[in-house]
Protein backbone atom coordinates (compact mmCIF):
# COMPACT_ATOMS: atom_id res chain seq x y z
CA UNK A 1 30.00 -19.12 -1.16
CA UNK A 2 28.08 -16.04 -0.11
CA UNK A 3 26.11 -14.38 -2.88
CA UNK A 4 27.65 -11.08 -1.79
CA UNK A 5 31.27 -12.17 -1.54
CA UNK A 6 31.23 -13.54 -5.06
CA UNK A 7 31.11 -10.26 -6.97
CA UNK A 8 27.34 -9.74 -6.96
CA UNK A 9 26.67 -6.00 -7.37
CA UNK A 10 23.51 -4.09 -8.18
CA UNK A 11 21.83 -0.73 -7.61
CA UNK A 12 18.42 0.84 -7.24
CA UNK A 13 16.35 3.70 -5.86
CA UNK A 14 14.28 4.20 -2.72
CA UNK A 15 10.92 5.89 -3.20
CA UNK A 16 7.68 5.33 -1.25
CA UNK A 17 4.68 4.51 -3.44
CA UNK A 18 2.80 7.37 -1.78
CA UNK A 19 5.46 9.78 -3.09
CA UNK A 20 4.66 9.09 -6.73
CA UNK A 21 2.77 11.81 -8.61
CA UNK A 22 -0.96 11.22 -8.86
CA UNK A 23 -4.15 13.11 -9.74
CA UNK A 24 -5.82 11.51 -6.71
CA UNK A 25 -3.91 13.16 -3.86
CA UNK A 26 -1.51 10.30 -3.07
CA UNK A 27 0.78 8.07 -5.09
CA UNK A 28 -0.63 4.64 -5.93
CA UNK A 29 0.13 1.34 -7.69
CA UNK A 30 -1.20 2.49 -11.05
CA UNK A 31 0.21 4.00 -14.24
CA UNK A 32 2.74 6.33 -12.60
CA UNK A 33 4.30 3.39 -10.74
CA UNK A 34 4.70 1.52 -14.02
CA UNK A 35 6.23 4.61 -15.64
CA UNK A 36 8.71 4.82 -12.77
CA UNK A 37 9.64 1.22 -13.52
CA UNK A 38 10.38 2.20 -17.11
CA UNK A 39 12.68 4.96 -15.84
CA UNK A 40 14.53 2.48 -13.65
CA UNK A 41 15.08 0.24 -16.67
CA UNK A 42 16.34 3.16 -18.76
CA UNK A 43 18.73 4.10 -15.93
CA UNK A 44 20.19 0.58 -15.83
CA UNK A 45 18.89 -0.01 -12.30
CA UNK A 46 17.67 -3.35 -10.99
CA UNK A 47 15.83 -2.47 -7.77
CA UNK A 48 13.03 -0.27 -6.52
CA UNK A 49 12.75 -0.20 -2.73
CA UNK A 50 9.48 0.99 -1.22
CA UNK A 51 8.14 1.42 2.31
CA UNK A 52 5.54 -0.88 3.92
CA UNK A 53 2.31 -1.06 1.92
CA UNK A 54 0.16 -2.00 4.92
CA UNK A 55 -2.91 0.01 6.02
CA UNK A 56 -2.16 3.27 7.83
CA UNK A 57 -4.16 5.53 10.13
CA UNK A 58 -4.47 9.32 10.44
CA UNK A 59 -4.62 8.82 14.21
CA UNK A 60 -1.09 7.39 14.03
CA UNK A 61 0.31 10.06 11.74
CA UNK A 62 -0.22 7.94 8.59
CA UNK A 63 3.01 6.10 9.35
CA UNK A 64 3.50 2.89 7.33
CA UNK A 65 5.33 1.54 10.38
CA UNK A 66 2.21 1.83 12.58
CA UNK A 67 -0.38 -0.49 11.11
CA UNK A 68 -3.28 -2.65 12.24
CA UNK A 69 -2.23 -5.56 10.00
CA UNK A 70 0.99 -7.30 9.02
CA UNK A 71 -0.66 -8.87 5.96
CA UNK A 72 -3.21 -6.47 4.47
CA UNK A 73 -2.60 -3.77 1.88
CA UNK A 74 -3.48 -0.10 2.08
CA UNK A 75 -6.56 0.93 0.10
CA UNK A 76 -4.89 4.32 -0.35
CA UNK A 77 -2.52 2.62 -2.80
CA UNK A 78 -5.32 1.23 -4.97
CA UNK A 79 -5.26 2.87 -8.40
CA UNK A 80 -8.52 4.50 -9.60
CA UNK A 81 -7.17 4.31 -13.14
CA UNK A 82 -6.72 0.55 -12.80
CA UNK A 83 -10.23 0.24 -11.38
CA UNK A 84 -11.54 1.87 -14.56
CA UNK A 85 -9.36 -0.35 -16.77
CA UNK A 86 -10.75 -3.45 -15.06
CA UNK A 87 -14.33 -2.29 -15.49
CA UNK A 88 -15.18 -1.52 -11.88
CA UNK A 89 -15.60 2.17 -12.71
CA UNK A 90 -16.34 4.19 -15.82
CA UNK A 91 -13.77 6.86 -16.80
CA UNK A 92 -16.17 9.72 -16.09
CA UNK A 93 -16.69 8.46 -12.54
CA UNK A 94 -13.08 9.26 -11.67
CA UNK A 95 -13.50 13.02 -12.00
CA UNK A 96 -14.95 13.55 -8.54
CA UNK A 97 -11.93 11.88 -6.95
CA UNK A 98 -9.34 14.14 -8.54
CA UNK A 99 -7.19 16.41 -6.40
CA UNK A 100 -4.39 18.89 -7.22
CA UNK A 101 -1.54 16.94 -8.84
CA UNK A 102 1.23 18.68 -6.93
CA UNK A 103 1.95 19.53 -3.32
CA UNK A 104 2.22 17.18 -0.32
CA UNK A 105 -0.06 14.21 0.18
CA UNK A 106 -3.48 15.39 1.38
CA UNK A 107 -4.38 12.39 3.53
CA UNK A 108 -7.87 13.46 4.67
CA UNK A 109 -9.04 14.25 1.15
CA UNK A 110 -7.25 11.31 -0.46
CA UNK A 111 -8.71 8.87 2.06
CA UNK A 112 -12.22 10.25 1.71
CA UNK A 113 -12.24 10.26 -2.09
CA UNK A 114 -10.44 6.93 -2.57
CA UNK A 115 -12.76 5.24 -0.07
CA UNK A 116 -15.80 6.68 -1.82
CA UNK A 117 -14.58 5.31 -5.18
CA UNK A 118 -14.05 1.82 -3.79
CA UNK A 119 -17.43 1.96 -2.04
CA UNK A 120 -19.04 2.91 -5.36
CA UNK A 121 -17.29 0.11 -7.23
CA UNK A 122 -18.24 -2.38 -4.55
CA UNK A 123 -21.91 -1.40 -4.75
CA UNK A 124 -21.76 -2.13 -8.46
CA UNK A 125 -20.41 -5.70 -8.02
CA UNK A 126 -21.71 -6.57 -4.57
CA UNK A 127 -24.28 -9.12 -5.71
CA UNK A 128 -21.98 -10.87 -8.19
CA UNK A 129 -18.44 -10.66 -6.86
CA UNK A 130 -18.71 -13.84 -4.78
CA UNK A 131 -19.48 -15.75 -7.98
CA UNK A 132 -16.24 -14.60 -9.59
CA UNK A 133 -13.64 -17.43 -9.77
CA UNK A 134 -10.65 -15.02 -9.40
CA UNK A 135 -12.25 -13.47 -6.31
CA UNK A 136 -12.99 -16.92 -4.88
CA UNK A 137 -9.38 -17.95 -5.49
CA UNK A 138 -8.16 -14.78 -3.78
CA UNK A 139 -10.35 -15.44 -0.72
CA UNK A 140 -9.10 -19.01 -0.46
CA UNK A 141 -5.44 -18.08 -0.87
CA UNK A 142 -5.54 -15.46 1.87
CA UNK A 143 -8.09 -17.03 4.21
CA UNK A 144 -5.49 -17.56 6.97
CA UNK A 145 -5.44 -13.82 7.70
CA UNK A 146 -8.10 -12.16 5.55
CA UNK A 147 -11.16 -13.39 7.45
CA UNK A 148 -9.83 -12.12 10.78
CA UNK A 149 -8.68 -8.85 9.24
CA UNK A 150 -12.01 -8.13 7.53
CA UNK A 151 -13.98 -8.86 10.69
CA UNK A 152 -11.57 -6.73 12.73
CA UNK A 153 -11.94 -3.72 10.41
CA UNK A 154 -15.73 -4.09 10.22
CA UNK A 155 -16.04 -4.45 13.99
CA UNK A 156 -13.76 -1.45 14.62
CA UNK A 157 -16.10 0.68 12.50
CA UNK A 158 -19.20 -0.80 14.16
CA UNK A 159 -17.86 -0.05 17.66
CA UNK A 160 -16.82 3.49 16.67
CA UNK A 161 -13.10 2.76 16.41
CA UNK A 162 -12.47 1.77 20.03
CA UNK A 163 -9.67 -0.70 20.76
CA UNK A 164 -10.55 -4.40 20.58
CA UNK A 165 -9.92 -4.72 24.34
CA UNK A 166 -13.08 -2.61 24.83
CA UNK A 167 -15.29 -4.72 22.59
CA UNK A 168 -17.94 -6.99 24.10
CA UNK A 169 -16.17 -9.70 26.09
CA UNK A 170 -17.27 -12.59 23.92
CA UNK A 171 -15.99 -10.93 20.74
CA UNK A 172 -12.87 -9.64 22.42
CA UNK A 173 -12.10 -13.22 23.51
CA UNK A 174 -13.10 -14.62 20.09
CA UNK A 175 -15.75 -17.06 21.28
CA UNK A 176 -17.14 -18.96 18.31
CA UNK A 177 -20.79 -17.86 18.81
CA UNK A 178 -19.69 -14.22 18.91
CA UNK A 179 -17.53 -14.58 15.81
CA UNK A 180 -20.47 -16.15 13.99
CA UNK A 181 -22.94 -13.51 15.24
CA UNK A 182 -20.84 -10.49 14.27
CA UNK A 183 -19.71 -12.19 11.08
CA UNK A 184 -23.35 -12.35 10.02
CA UNK A 185 -24.31 -8.94 11.39
CA UNK A 186 -21.42 -7.23 9.57
CA UNK A 187 -21.34 -9.47 6.49
CA UNK A 188 -21.72 -6.60 3.98
CA UNK A 189 -18.99 -4.54 5.62
CA UNK A 190 -16.75 -7.62 5.78
CA UNK A 191 -17.24 -8.33 2.09
CA UNK A 192 -16.46 -4.69 1.31
CA UNK A 193 -13.14 -4.97 3.18
CA UNK A 194 -12.25 -8.12 1.27
CA UNK A 195 -13.10 -6.44 -2.02
CA UNK A 196 -10.76 -3.56 -1.19
CA UNK A 197 -7.98 -6.05 -0.48
CA UNK A 198 -8.70 -7.79 -3.76
CA UNK A 199 -8.18 -4.52 -5.63
CA UNK A 200 -4.91 -3.85 -3.80
CA UNK A 201 -3.49 -7.31 -4.48
CA UNK A 202 -4.52 -7.09 -8.14
CA UNK A 203 -2.70 -3.78 -8.50
CA UNK A 204 0.46 -4.97 -6.75
CA UNK A 205 0.61 -8.17 -8.82
CA UNK A 206 0.23 -6.17 -12.02
CA UNK A 207 2.99 -3.75 -11.02
CA UNK A 208 5.33 -6.54 -9.98
CA UNK A 209 4.83 -8.30 -13.31
CA UNK A 210 5.46 -5.07 -15.21
CA UNK A 211 8.67 -4.44 -13.26
CA UNK A 212 9.86 -7.99 -13.83
CA UNK A 213 9.43 -7.57 -17.59
CA UNK A 214 11.74 -4.58 -17.31
CA UNK A 215 14.34 -6.43 -15.22
CA UNK A 216 13.47 -4.56 -12.02
CA UNK A 217 13.04 -6.28 -8.65
CA UNK A 218 10.79 -4.82 -5.96
CA UNK A 219 12.09 -4.59 -2.38
CA UNK A 220 9.28 -4.47 0.16
CA UNK A 221 9.56 -3.47 3.80
CA UNK A 222 8.29 -5.22 6.95
CA UNK A 223 8.10 -3.44 10.30
CA UNK A 224 9.23 -5.75 13.10
CA UNK A 225 6.61 -4.92 15.74
CA UNK A 226 2.85 -4.50 15.40
CA UNK A 227 0.40 -2.15 17.06
CA UNK A 228 -1.44 -3.63 19.99
CA UNK A 229 -4.74 -2.54 18.42
CA UNK A 230 -4.29 -4.71 15.35
CA UNK A 231 -6.04 -7.63 13.72
CA UNK A 232 -2.99 -9.83 14.26
CA UNK A 233 -2.75 -9.24 18.01
CA UNK A 234 -6.52 -9.67 18.48
CA UNK A 235 -6.52 -12.91 16.48
CA UNK A 236 -3.30 -14.31 18.01
CA UNK A 237 -3.18 -13.13 21.62
CA UNK A 238 -1.11 -16.13 22.69
CA UNK A 239 1.76 -15.04 20.44
CA UNK A 240 2.29 -11.70 22.21
CA UNK A 241 3.23 -10.74 25.76
CA UNK A 242 -0.19 -9.66 27.02
CA UNK A 243 -1.90 -9.91 30.41
CA UNK A 244 -5.10 -11.83 31.12
CA UNK A 245 -7.18 -8.83 30.00
CA UNK A 246 -5.42 -8.63 26.65
CA UNK A 247 -3.46 -5.49 27.53
CA UNK A 248 0.26 -5.15 26.80
CA UNK A 249 2.39 -6.73 29.53
CA UNK A 250 5.82 -6.08 28.02
CA UNK A 251 6.56 -3.14 25.73
CA UNK A 252 9.06 -2.83 22.91
CA UNK A 253 11.82 -0.25 22.81
CA UNK A 254 15.59 0.21 22.87
CA UNK A 255 17.79 0.88 25.90
CA UNK A 256 19.45 4.12 27.01
CA UNK A 257 22.50 5.09 24.99
CA UNK A 258 24.75 8.02 24.16
CA UNK A 259 21.88 9.83 22.46
CA UNK A 260 19.15 9.22 25.06
CA UNK A 261 19.48 8.75 28.81
CA UNK A 262 16.10 7.02 28.98
CA UNK A 263 16.19 5.03 25.72
CA UNK A 264 13.25 4.83 23.34
CA UNK A 265 9.90 3.44 24.44
CA UNK A 266 7.87 2.32 21.42
CA UNK A 267 4.99 0.76 23.34
CA UNK A 268 4.22 -2.16 20.98
CA UNK A 269 3.68 -5.55 22.62
CA UNK A 270 6.72 -7.78 22.25
CA UNK A 271 6.48 -11.31 20.88
CA UNK A 272 6.11 -14.34 23.13
CA UNK A 273 8.85 -16.27 21.37
CA UNK A 274 8.37 -19.55 23.31
CA UNK A 275 4.76 -19.56 22.05
CA UNK A 276 5.96 -18.92 18.49
CA UNK A 277 8.47 -21.74 18.82
CA UNK A 278 5.79 -24.12 20.08
CA UNK A 279 3.69 -23.33 17.00
CA UNK A 280 6.59 -23.94 14.62
CA UNK A 281 6.79 -20.19 13.91
CA UNK A 282 3.67 -20.59 11.77
CA UNK A 283 2.50 -16.98 12.01
CA UNK A 284 5.91 -15.61 11.11
CA UNK A 285 6.34 -18.11 8.28
CA UNK A 286 3.02 -17.01 6.83
CA UNK A 287 4.00 -13.36 7.16
CA UNK A 288 7.38 -13.67 5.46
CA UNK A 289 6.05 -15.99 2.74
CA UNK A 290 3.23 -13.53 2.07
CA UNK A 291 5.72 -10.67 1.73
CA UNK A 292 8.08 -12.66 -0.49
CA UNK A 293 5.17 -13.57 -2.74
CA UNK A 294 4.37 -9.87 -3.13
CA UNK A 295 7.94 -8.57 -3.40
CA UNK A 296 11.16 -10.01 -4.80
CA UNK A 297 13.08 -9.00 -1.68
CA UNK A 298 12.00 -7.78 1.76
CA UNK A 299 13.78 -5.47 4.19
CA UNK A 300 13.29 -6.77 7.75
CA UNK A 301 13.18 -3.85 10.17
CA UNK A 302 14.92 -4.03 13.59
CA UNK A 303 16.80 -7.22 12.71
CA UNK A 304 18.77 -7.17 15.95
CA UNK A 305 15.62 -8.19 17.86
CA UNK A 306 15.78 -11.65 16.28
CA UNK A 307 18.92 -12.17 18.37
CA UNK A 308 17.92 -10.24 21.50
CA UNK A 309 15.28 -7.59 22.17
CA UNK A 310 14.69 -4.93 24.79
CA UNK A 311 11.51 -5.50 26.83
CA UNK A 312 10.04 -2.90 29.19
CA UNK A 313 7.35 -3.71 31.80
CA UNK A 314 3.91 -2.21 31.23
CA UNK A 315 3.34 1.04 33.06
CA UNK A 316 6.88 2.34 32.61
CA UNK A 317 7.01 5.76 30.97
CA UNK A 318 10.56 5.37 29.64
CA UNK A 319 12.65 2.48 28.37
CA UNK A 320 15.24 2.81 31.14
CA UNK A 321 13.99 -0.11 33.27
CA UNK A 322 13.83 -2.64 30.48
CA UNK A 323 15.98 -5.72 30.03
CA UNK A 324 17.45 -7.73 27.18
CA UNK A 325 15.63 -10.97 26.39
CA UNK A 326 16.65 -13.66 23.90
CA UNK A 327 15.09 -13.64 20.45
CA UNK A 328 14.41 -16.76 18.38
CA UNK A 329 17.85 -16.80 16.80
CA UNK A 330 19.06 -19.28 14.20
CA UNK A 331 16.21 -21.75 14.73
CA UNK A 332 13.77 -19.12 13.48
CA UNK A 333 15.62 -18.49 10.21
CA UNK A 334 16.22 -22.20 9.64
CA UNK A 335 12.46 -22.67 9.85
CA UNK A 336 11.82 -19.76 7.48
CA UNK A 337 14.47 -20.67 4.92
CA UNK A 338 13.77 -24.40 4.65
CA UNK A 339 17.16 -24.82 3.02
CA UNK A 340 16.71 -22.01 0.47
CA UNK A 341 18.40 -18.60 0.35
CA UNK A 342 16.22 -15.89 1.84
CA UNK A 343 15.81 -12.73 -0.21
CA UNK A 344 15.86 -10.57 2.92
CA UNK A 345 17.78 -7.37 3.67
CA UNK A 346 18.53 -7.13 7.40
CA UNK A 347 18.14 -3.66 8.91
CA UNK A 348 20.94 -4.09 11.45
CA UNK A 349 21.24 -0.52 12.69
CA UNK A 350 21.45 0.58 16.32
CA UNK A 351 23.17 -1.38 19.09
CA UNK A 352 24.66 -4.27 17.11
CA UNK A 353 26.58 -6.94 18.99
CA UNK A 354 28.63 -9.79 17.45
CA UNK A 355 25.78 -12.28 17.88
CA UNK A 356 23.56 -10.15 15.61
CA UNK A 357 26.18 -10.02 12.88
CA UNK A 358 26.86 -13.75 13.22
CA UNK A 359 23.14 -14.50 12.84
CA UNK A 360 22.86 -12.34 9.73
CA UNK A 361 25.90 -13.86 8.08
CA UNK A 362 24.96 -17.42 8.93
CA UNK A 363 21.93 -17.00 6.66
CA UNK A 364 23.70 -14.95 4.01
CA UNK A 365 21.58 -11.84 4.50
CA UNK A 366 22.88 -8.42 3.45
CA UNK A 367 23.12 -5.93 6.29
CA UNK A 368 22.45 -2.20 6.13
CA UNK A 369 24.92 0.67 5.95
CA UNK A 370 23.95 4.34 5.67
CA UNK A 371 26.45 6.83 4.30
CA UNK A 372 25.04 9.73 6.29
CA UNK A 373 26.15 7.85 9.42
CA UNK A 374 29.76 7.57 8.30
CA UNK A 375 30.72 9.57 5.23
CA UNK A 376 31.39 12.65 7.35
CA UNK A 377 33.33 10.83 10.09
CA UNK A 378 36.64 12.72 10.44
CA UNK A 379 38.27 9.63 12.01
CA UNK A 380 37.25 7.30 9.18
CA UNK A 381 36.50 4.55 11.72
CA UNK A 382 32.74 4.23 11.22
CA UNK A 383 31.45 0.99 9.65
CA UNK A 384 29.29 3.32 7.52
CA UNK A 385 32.31 4.97 5.87
CA UNK A 386 32.21 4.02 2.19
CA UNK A 387 35.63 2.36 2.14
CA UNK A 388 34.87 0.32 5.30
CA UNK A 389 31.57 -1.14 4.06
CA UNK A 390 31.92 -4.88 3.51
CA UNK A 391 30.47 -6.60 0.42
CA UNK A 392 27.69 -8.38 2.33
CA UNK A 393 25.77 -5.15 2.85
CA UNK A 394 23.23 -2.91 1.21
CA UNK A 395 24.58 0.63 1.28
CA UNK A 396 22.20 3.60 1.27
CA UNK A 397 22.90 7.23 0.54
CA UNK A 398 20.15 7.78 3.12
CA UNK A 399 17.00 6.08 4.37
CA UNK A 400 13.43 7.33 4.75
CA UNK A 401 14.36 8.52 8.27
CA UNK A 402 17.25 10.71 7.09
CA UNK A 403 17.20 14.24 5.73
CA UNK A 404 18.10 14.68 2.09
CA UNK A 405 21.81 15.08 1.39
CA UNK A 406 21.34 18.82 0.92
CA UNK A 407 19.51 19.21 4.23
CA UNK A 408 22.03 16.97 5.99
CA UNK A 409 24.95 19.07 4.78
CA UNK A 410 23.28 22.31 5.84
CA UNK A 411 21.84 21.24 9.18
CA UNK A 412 23.85 18.36 10.62
CA UNK A 413 27.46 18.44 9.46
CA UNK A 414 30.21 20.19 11.42
CA UNK A 415 33.09 21.79 9.57
CA UNK A 416 35.43 18.83 10.29
CA UNK A 417 32.75 16.47 8.97
CA UNK A 418 32.34 18.55 5.81
CA UNK A 419 36.10 18.46 5.31
CA UNK A 420 36.15 14.67 5.74
CA UNK A 421 33.34 14.28 3.23
CA UNK A 422 35.18 16.49 0.75
CA UNK A 423 38.30 14.36 1.14
CA UNK A 424 36.25 11.24 0.36
CA UNK A 425 34.57 12.83 -2.63
CA UNK A 426 37.81 14.26 -4.02
CA UNK A 427 36.45 17.80 -4.30
CA UNK A 428 34.95 20.51 -2.10
CA UNK A 429 31.43 19.35 -1.28
CA UNK A 430 28.73 22.03 -1.38
CA UNK A 431 24.94 22.13 -1.32
CA UNK A 432 25.03 22.10 -5.11
CA UNK A 433 27.01 18.87 -5.46
CA UNK A 434 26.56 16.93 -2.18
CA UNK A 435 23.72 14.81 -3.56
CA UNK A 436 25.84 13.64 -6.49
CA UNK A 437 28.76 12.97 -4.13
CA UNK A 438 26.66 10.76 -1.85
CA UNK A 439 25.14 8.75 -4.69
CA UNK A 440 28.56 8.26 -6.26
CA UNK A 441 30.13 7.16 -2.96
CA UNK A 442 27.34 4.63 -2.46
CA UNK A 443 27.78 3.22 -5.97
CA UNK A 444 31.57 2.98 -5.67
CA UNK A 445 31.50 1.35 -2.22
CA UNK A 446 32.19 -2.38 -1.84
CA UNK A 447 28.58 -3.04 -0.71
CA UNK A 448 26.79 -5.57 -2.94
CA UNK A 449 23.66 -3.45 -3.26
CA UNK A 450 23.64 0.36 -3.51
CA UNK A 451 20.42 2.29 -2.97
CA UNK A 452 19.89 6.04 -3.26
CA UNK A 453 16.79 8.03 -2.45
CA UNK A 454 15.23 9.60 -5.50
CA UNK A 455 15.46 12.96 -3.70
CA UNK A 456 19.25 12.64 -3.62
CA UNK A 457 19.41 11.62 -7.27
CA UNK A 458 17.48 14.80 -8.10
CA UNK A 459 19.45 16.99 -5.67
CA UNK A 460 16.36 17.99 -3.68
CA UNK A 461 16.61 19.99 -0.45
CA UNK A 462 15.26 19.42 3.05
CA UNK A 463 11.67 20.21 2.04
CA UNK A 464 11.63 16.80 0.32
CA UNK A 465 12.31 14.88 3.53
CA UNK A 466 9.97 11.90 4.08
CA UNK A 467 10.13 11.44 7.84
CA UNK A 468 11.62 13.13 10.91
CA UNK A 469 11.72 10.45 13.66
CA UNK A 470 10.20 11.47 16.97
CA UNK A 471 7.74 13.92 15.45
CA UNK A 472 4.10 12.78 15.42
CA UNK A 473 2.80 14.92 12.55
CA UNK A 474 3.87 16.31 9.19
CA UNK A 475 5.60 13.17 7.96
CA UNK A 476 5.05 10.78 5.02
CA UNK A 477 3.64 13.59 2.87
CA UNK A 478 6.44 14.12 0.32
CA UNK A 479 5.19 13.72 -3.25
CA UNK A 480 6.78 14.35 -6.64
CA UNK A 481 4.71 16.77 -8.71
CA UNK A 482 5.48 14.76 -11.85
CA UNK A 483 7.99 12.35 -13.37
CA UNK A 484 9.21 15.00 -15.80
CA UNK A 485 12.31 15.54 -13.67
CA UNK A 486 13.38 11.98 -14.51
CA UNK A 487 14.89 13.03 -17.81
CA UNK A 488 16.94 10.93 -20.23
CA UNK A 489 19.99 12.81 -18.97
CA UNK A 490 19.31 11.66 -15.38
CA UNK A 491 18.83 8.09 -16.59
CA UNK A 492 22.04 8.18 -18.64
CA UNK A 493 24.01 9.55 -15.71
CA UNK A 494 22.83 6.73 -13.43
CA UNK A 495 23.45 4.10 -16.09
CA UNK A 496 26.99 5.37 -16.66
CA UNK A 497 27.70 5.42 -12.93
CA UNK A 498 26.40 1.85 -12.55
CA UNK A 499 28.65 0.69 -15.38
CA UNK A 500 31.72 2.40 -13.90
CA UNK A 501 30.95 0.94 -10.47
CA UNK A 502 30.36 -2.56 -11.85
CA UNK A 503 26.70 -2.52 -10.84
CA UNK A 504 25.35 -3.53 -14.22
CA UNK A 505 26.01 -7.28 -13.86
CA UNK A 506 23.07 -8.30 -11.69
CA UNK A 507 21.91 -11.81 -12.64
CA UNK A 508 18.20 -11.11 -12.22
CA UNK A 509 16.48 -14.52 -12.71
CA UNK A 510 18.88 -16.54 -10.54
CA UNK A 511 18.23 -14.53 -7.38
CA UNK A 512 14.42 -14.62 -7.41
CA UNK A 513 13.57 -17.55 -5.18
CA UNK A 514 9.99 -16.62 -4.40
CA UNK A 515 7.11 -15.59 -5.97
CA UNK A 516 4.43 -15.78 -8.32
CA UNK A 517 1.80 -15.03 -6.18
CA UNK A 518 -1.12 -13.50 -4.58
């Protein structure tokens, strides 16, 4: 019997790690993250969903969905306080890294100061770190991706950040003599990269253990596609649709629809699924196993592409001339699951055909429903309407791509939609109460898992939005000034709502199939 058809119900909050308060300019995996876990426990919640924790780039708008690694962690999320607790830094050495505690994330300053701290700590341990058994164990455990990633990052810096397709031919093509030469030439920089990853993985393991002690599971997030200029594409060219020069041959996107006559052209290289199949899906297995060792559950972005994906020839400026191609389908998930349940949330939004739903349900994966897509539907026919959401789904008040409930009500809802929402809520919905209405509708829906953004729990307006899709700048900067707004009254309200909605019966240990490790 499906885990979700058998009465399994739980609830949690969505908050990016970068949005936590911090004296270092950006939220991190340190003390404030652990305090947030304590709040979740006090509120009777079982889940904290975050965004991808992979490295980001200012050149790509600091988006966690545009990374140069599917495996590595972002040094921005390393906690200076934890570095001091572990003896890498002295408390007084943190002062120079401090930034104003409130206001949006200051990426340039946060990157510069966090990098300087890690550089300083590395200089202190550089001559001894390779003799450390925990560090040696870390290197061995992650060797399948870490060596390529560290060389990629060091080489990018050495060649002044140009794409790997413009590196010297022998390194671009990964000839063994070139790998050995640059591995030796850049050995200090490579070790520094590995040390930064060691700090990140230490912090994440510590946070996960703290959350587990409080009965809270961590939901990670995995973007489906990768940037062309990434360590994974450079190290695994045969697994992507590239030409003989290593350039993208087929681009990712989605086809034209009601909202866009030309579709969406994302530009990432699509996967060469026959090559993945021939390798036993080894790269993907490593990726998912890595994520499920770091997180209790993982949200898989763009799930529909596992059934069929839209591929656009290189050189096209829009997605209009693309075509559907078959994804790996059931064979892929059979290989991943190996007979065990997969703790994966499928992001099945967009153009969803019956084959996509059949694939998701065959492997007992919760789908994704978003109340902002259906709670204001005057016809009541949307699959995102609260009363139409089926149990085998995770229901969200909103996602990181949506406005807050307050902003949504003010900017996006027509009068008929507002009337429909008021009918669902049972009272006239206004800017003052819409956030509560959306959280309550999510909790009372039939969906097995209910997730609200923290902004909606706190009734925040549109200035607290995380991301506006299609805009290249100004996103991913929302940050709470402090956790003081998470009062006992807020916790009690959430706990009472969870009890009323039957979301306080989550059997925590029996659903954790992965994970002790990094």
